[in-house]
C-alpha cells in the first residue's frame, strides 16, 4: 500500500544531440507528417460518409473490395477540395 516513483533518463551527459542530423532529416519528417495527416483525413471522411472503418498500417490501406470504388471517390473528393490547400498553407 505504498506509492513508488520511477525515473528513466533517456539521454546521458556523454551523448550530444546531433543538430546536423536533424537538419538533414527535417524534410523527410515533414513529408511523413503530411502523409499521416492526409491518411487521417481519408479515414475520417470514409467513416463519416460511408460508415465503414478503414484499417491501415503506415502507408497501406486495408479495406474490403466492395468499398474500393467508394475509396477512390473519397480520394478524388479530397484532392479536389479546399482541405488540401489549407493543409499546405
N, C-alpha and C. Protein backbone atom coordinates (compact mmCIF):
# COMPACT_ATOMS: atom_id res chain seq x y z
N UNK A 1 0.81 -1.19 0.00
CA UNK A 1 0.00 0.00 0.00
C UNK A 1 0.86 1.26 0.00
N UNK A 2 1.98 1.22 -0.71
CA UNK A 2 2.85 2.39 -0.82
C UNK A 2 2.92 2.81 -2.28
N UNK A 3 3.13 4.07 -2.51
CA UNK A 3 3.35 4.55 -3.88
C UNK A 3 4.84 4.66 -4.13
N UNK A 4 5.23 4.36 -5.34
CA UNK A 4 6.63 4.42 -5.73
C UNK A 4 6.77 5.33 -6.94
N UNK A 5 7.89 5.96 -7.06
CA UNK A 5 8.21 6.80 -8.21
C UNK A 5 9.35 6.17 -8.98
N UNK A 6 9.26 6.24 -10.29
CA UNK A 6 10.30 5.72 -11.15
C UNK A 6 10.75 6.82 -12.10
N UNK A 7 12.01 6.82 -12.43
CA UNK A 7 12.55 7.82 -13.33
C UNK A 7 13.43 7.11 -14.35
N UNK A 8 13.27 7.49 -15.60
CA UNK A 8 14.07 6.92 -16.67
C UNK A 8 14.78 8.05 -17.38
N UNK A 9 16.08 8.02 -17.37
CA UNK A 9 16.87 9.01 -18.10
C UNK A 9 17.14 8.47 -19.49
N UNK A 10 16.66 9.17 -20.50
CA UNK A 10 16.84 8.69 -21.87
C UNK A 10 18.11 9.24 -22.52
N UNK A 11 18.63 10.34 -22.01
CA UNK A 11 19.87 10.89 -22.53
C UNK A 11 20.91 10.90 -21.42
N UNK A 12 22.09 10.55 -21.80
CA UNK A 12 23.18 10.64 -20.83
C UNK A 12 24.02 11.86 -21.17
N UNK A 13 24.75 12.34 -20.23
CA UNK A 13 25.52 13.57 -20.43
C UNK A 13 26.66 13.40 -21.42
N UNK A 14 27.10 12.17 -21.67
CA UNK A 14 28.22 11.98 -22.59
C UNK A 14 27.78 11.97 -24.06
N UNK A 15 26.48 11.90 -24.33
CA UNK A 15 25.98 11.92 -25.70
C UNK A 15 25.46 13.31 -26.02
N UNK A 16 25.80 13.81 -27.20
CA UNK A 16 25.36 15.13 -27.61
C UNK A 16 24.32 15.00 -28.70
N UNK A 17 23.42 15.93 -28.72
CA UNK A 17 22.38 15.97 -29.73
C UNK A 17 23.01 16.33 -31.07
N UNK A 18 22.72 15.55 -32.10
CA UNK A 18 23.28 15.78 -33.43
C UNK A 18 22.36 16.72 -34.20
N UNK A 19 22.62 18.01 -34.11
CA UNK A 19 21.79 19.03 -34.76
C UNK A 19 21.82 18.87 -36.28
N UNK A 20 22.95 18.59 -36.83
CA UNK A 20 23.07 18.46 -38.29
C UNK A 20 22.23 17.29 -38.81
N UNK A 21 22.19 16.20 -38.08
CA UNK A 21 21.37 15.06 -38.50
C UNK A 21 19.89 15.44 -38.51
N UNK A 22 19.46 16.21 -37.53
CA UNK A 22 18.06 16.66 -37.50
C UNK A 22 17.76 17.61 -38.66
N UNK A 23 18.70 18.47 -38.97
CA UNK A 23 18.51 19.37 -40.11
C UNK A 23 18.42 18.59 -41.42
N UNK A 24 19.26 17.58 -41.56
CA UNK A 24 19.25 16.77 -42.79
C UNK A 24 17.97 15.97 -42.94
N UNK A 25 17.38 15.53 -41.85
CA UNK A 25 16.20 14.67 -41.89
C UNK A 25 14.89 15.44 -41.78
N UNK A 26 14.95 16.75 -41.58
CA UNK A 26 13.74 17.53 -41.34
C UNK A 26 12.71 17.38 -42.45
N UNK A 27 13.13 17.49 -43.71
CA UNK A 27 12.17 17.39 -44.82
C UNK A 27 11.53 16.01 -44.88
N UNK A 28 12.28 14.97 -44.58
CA UNK A 28 11.71 13.62 -44.55
C UNK A 28 10.64 13.51 -43.47
N UNK A 29 10.93 14.09 -42.30
CA UNK A 29 9.96 14.07 -41.21
C UNK A 29 8.72 14.88 -41.57
N UNK A 30 8.92 16.01 -42.23
CA UNK A 30 7.80 16.86 -42.62
C UNK A 30 6.90 16.15 -43.62
N UNK A 31 7.48 15.53 -44.62
CA UNK A 31 6.70 14.80 -45.63
C UNK A 31 5.95 13.65 -44.97
N UNK A 32 6.59 12.95 -44.07
CA UNK A 32 5.93 11.84 -43.37
C UNK A 32 4.73 12.34 -42.56
N UNK A 33 4.87 13.48 -41.92
CA UNK A 33 3.75 14.01 -41.13
C UNK A 33 2.60 14.47 -42.03
N UNK A 34 2.92 15.01 -43.20
CA UNK A 34 1.87 15.40 -44.15
C UNK A 34 1.15 14.15 -44.66
N UNK A 35 1.90 13.10 -44.98
CA UNK A 35 1.28 11.83 -45.41
C UNK A 35 0.34 11.30 -44.34
N UNK A 36 0.77 11.36 -43.09
CA UNK A 36 -0.06 10.87 -42.00
C UNK A 36 -1.33 11.72 -41.85
N UNK A 37 -1.21 13.02 -42.02
CA UNK A 37 -2.38 13.89 -41.93
C UNK A 37 -3.38 13.60 -43.03
N UNK A 38 -2.89 13.40 -44.24
CA UNK A 38 -3.78 13.08 -45.37
C UNK A 38 -4.48 11.75 -45.12
N UNK A 39 -3.74 10.77 -44.63
CA UNK A 39 -4.34 9.47 -44.34
C UNK A 39 -5.43 9.58 -43.27
N UNK A 40 -5.19 10.38 -42.24
CA UNK A 40 -6.21 10.57 -41.20
C UNK A 40 -7.46 11.23 -41.77
N UNK A 41 -7.30 12.18 -42.67
CA UNK A 41 -8.45 12.83 -43.31
C UNK A 41 -9.23 11.81 -44.12
N UNK A 42 -8.54 10.97 -44.86
CA UNK A 42 -9.20 9.94 -45.67
C UNK A 42 -9.99 8.99 -44.78
N UNK A 43 -9.38 8.52 -43.71
CA UNK A 43 -10.05 7.59 -42.81
C UNK A 43 -11.28 8.23 -42.17
N UNK A 44 -11.13 9.48 -41.71
CA UNK A 44 -12.27 10.19 -41.10
C UNK A 44 -13.40 10.39 -42.09
N UNK A 45 -13.09 10.87 -43.29
CA UNK A 45 -14.12 11.09 -44.30
C UNK A 45 -14.82 9.80 -44.69
N UNK A 46 -14.05 8.73 -44.80
CA UNK A 46 -14.64 7.44 -45.16
C UNK A 46 -15.60 6.97 -44.08
N UNK A 47 -15.22 7.12 -42.83
CA UNK A 47 -16.09 6.70 -41.73
C UNK A 47 -17.36 7.55 -41.67
N UNK A 48 -17.23 8.85 -41.91
CA UNK A 48 -18.39 9.74 -41.85
C UNK A 48 -19.34 9.54 -43.03
N UNK A 49 -18.81 9.38 -44.22
CA UNK A 49 -19.65 9.32 -45.43
C UNK A 49 -20.13 7.92 -45.77
N UNK A 50 -19.28 6.93 -45.56
CA UNK A 50 -19.60 5.57 -45.97
C UNK A 50 -20.00 4.70 -44.77
N UNK A 51 -19.67 5.16 -43.56
CA UNK A 51 -19.94 4.41 -42.34
C UNK A 51 -19.20 3.07 -42.33
N UNK A 52 -17.93 3.14 -42.71
CA UNK A 52 -17.06 1.96 -42.74
C UNK A 52 -15.68 2.39 -42.25
N UNK A 53 -15.09 1.61 -41.38
CA UNK A 53 -13.77 1.93 -40.84
C UNK A 53 -12.68 1.24 -41.65
N UNK A 54 -11.78 2.06 -42.17
CA UNK A 54 -10.64 1.55 -42.93
C UNK A 54 -9.55 1.16 -41.94
N UNK A 55 -8.92 0.03 -42.19
CA UNK A 55 -7.72 -0.35 -41.44
C UNK A 55 -6.51 0.17 -42.19
N UNK A 56 -5.47 0.47 -41.47
CA UNK A 56 -4.27 0.95 -42.14
C UNK A 56 -3.03 0.55 -41.36
N UNK A 57 -1.95 0.48 -42.07
CA UNK A 57 -0.65 0.21 -41.48
C UNK A 57 0.35 1.05 -42.24
N UNK A 58 0.87 2.08 -41.61
CA UNK A 58 1.78 3.05 -42.23
C UNK A 58 1.11 3.64 -43.46
N UNK A 59 1.61 3.33 -44.64
CA UNK A 59 1.06 3.89 -45.88
C UNK A 59 0.06 2.96 -46.56
N UNK A 60 -0.18 1.80 -45.99
CA UNK A 60 -1.04 0.79 -46.59
C UNK A 60 -2.46 0.92 -46.04
N UNK A 61 -3.43 0.89 -46.94
CA UNK A 61 -4.83 0.95 -46.55
C UNK A 61 -5.46 -0.41 -46.81
N UNK A 62 -6.19 -0.90 -45.82
CA UNK A 62 -6.79 -2.22 -45.90
C UNK A 62 -8.31 -2.05 -45.82
N UNK A 63 -9.00 -2.47 -46.88
CA UNK A 63 -10.45 -2.38 -46.87
C UNK A 63 -11.03 -3.50 -47.73
N UNK A 64 -12.30 -3.75 -47.54
CA UNK A 64 -13.00 -4.79 -48.29
C UNK A 64 -13.10 -4.36 -49.75
N UNK A 65 -12.97 -5.31 -50.69
CA UNK A 65 -13.04 -4.95 -52.11
C UNK A 65 -14.34 -4.26 -52.53
N UNK A 66 -15.42 -4.50 -51.80
CA UNK A 66 -16.68 -3.85 -52.14
C UNK A 66 -16.63 -2.33 -51.96
N UNK A 67 -15.65 -1.84 -51.20
CA UNK A 67 -15.55 -0.41 -50.91
C UNK A 67 -14.47 0.31 -51.72
N UNK A 68 -13.87 -0.37 -52.67
CA UNK A 68 -12.79 0.24 -53.44
C UNK A 68 -13.28 1.46 -54.22
N UNK A 69 -14.42 1.35 -54.87
CA UNK A 69 -14.95 2.48 -55.64
C UNK A 69 -15.25 3.66 -54.72
N UNK A 70 -15.82 3.40 -53.55
CA UNK A 70 -16.06 4.46 -52.58
C UNK A 70 -14.75 5.10 -52.12
N UNK A 71 -13.73 4.26 -51.95
CA UNK A 71 -12.42 4.78 -51.55
C UNK A 71 -11.87 5.74 -52.60
N UNK A 72 -11.94 5.35 -53.87
CA UNK A 72 -11.47 6.24 -54.93
C UNK A 72 -12.27 7.54 -54.98
N UNK A 73 -13.55 7.46 -54.70
CA UNK A 73 -14.37 8.68 -54.68
C UNK A 73 -13.94 9.61 -53.54
N UNK A 74 -13.66 9.05 -52.37
CA UNK A 74 -13.20 9.85 -51.24
C UNK A 74 -11.85 10.51 -51.56
N UNK A 75 -10.96 9.76 -52.17
CA UNK A 75 -9.65 10.30 -52.56
C UNK A 75 -9.84 11.45 -53.56
N UNK A 76 -10.68 11.22 -54.55
CA UNK A 76 -10.92 12.24 -55.57
C UNK A 76 -11.51 13.50 -54.94
N UNK A 77 -12.47 13.34 -54.05
CA UNK A 77 -13.06 14.50 -53.36
C UNK A 77 -12.01 15.26 -52.56
N UNK A 78 -11.18 14.53 -51.84
CA UNK A 78 -10.18 15.17 -51.00
C UNK A 78 -9.19 15.97 -51.83
N UNK A 79 -8.68 15.38 -52.89
CA UNK A 79 -7.65 16.07 -53.67
C UNK A 79 -8.21 17.19 -54.54
N UNK A 80 -9.53 17.29 -54.63
CA UNK A 80 -10.15 18.41 -55.32
C UNK A 80 -10.80 19.39 -54.35
N UNK A 81 -10.58 19.20 -53.07
CA UNK A 81 -11.22 20.05 -52.06
C UNK A 81 -10.28 21.15 -51.58
N UNK A 82 -10.87 22.10 -50.86
CA UNK A 82 -10.08 23.17 -50.27
C UNK A 82 -9.24 22.68 -49.09
N UNK A 83 -9.58 21.52 -48.53
CA UNK A 83 -8.82 20.97 -47.40
C UNK A 83 -7.35 20.78 -47.76
N UNK A 84 -7.07 20.37 -48.97
CA UNK A 84 -5.69 20.16 -49.39
C UNK A 84 -4.93 21.47 -49.44
N UNK A 85 -5.58 22.53 -49.86
CA UNK A 85 -4.91 23.83 -49.90
C UNK A 85 -4.70 24.36 -48.49
N UNK A 86 -5.64 24.13 -47.59
CA UNK A 86 -5.49 24.57 -46.20
C UNK A 86 -4.36 23.78 -45.53
N UNK A 87 -4.27 22.50 -45.83
CA UNK A 87 -3.24 21.65 -45.24
C UNK A 87 -1.84 22.15 -45.57
N UNK A 88 -1.66 22.65 -46.78
CA UNK A 88 -0.33 23.06 -47.22
C UNK A 88 -0.07 24.55 -47.09
N UNK A 89 -1.01 25.30 -46.55
CA UNK A 89 -0.76 26.74 -46.44
C UNK A 89 -0.38 27.14 -45.03
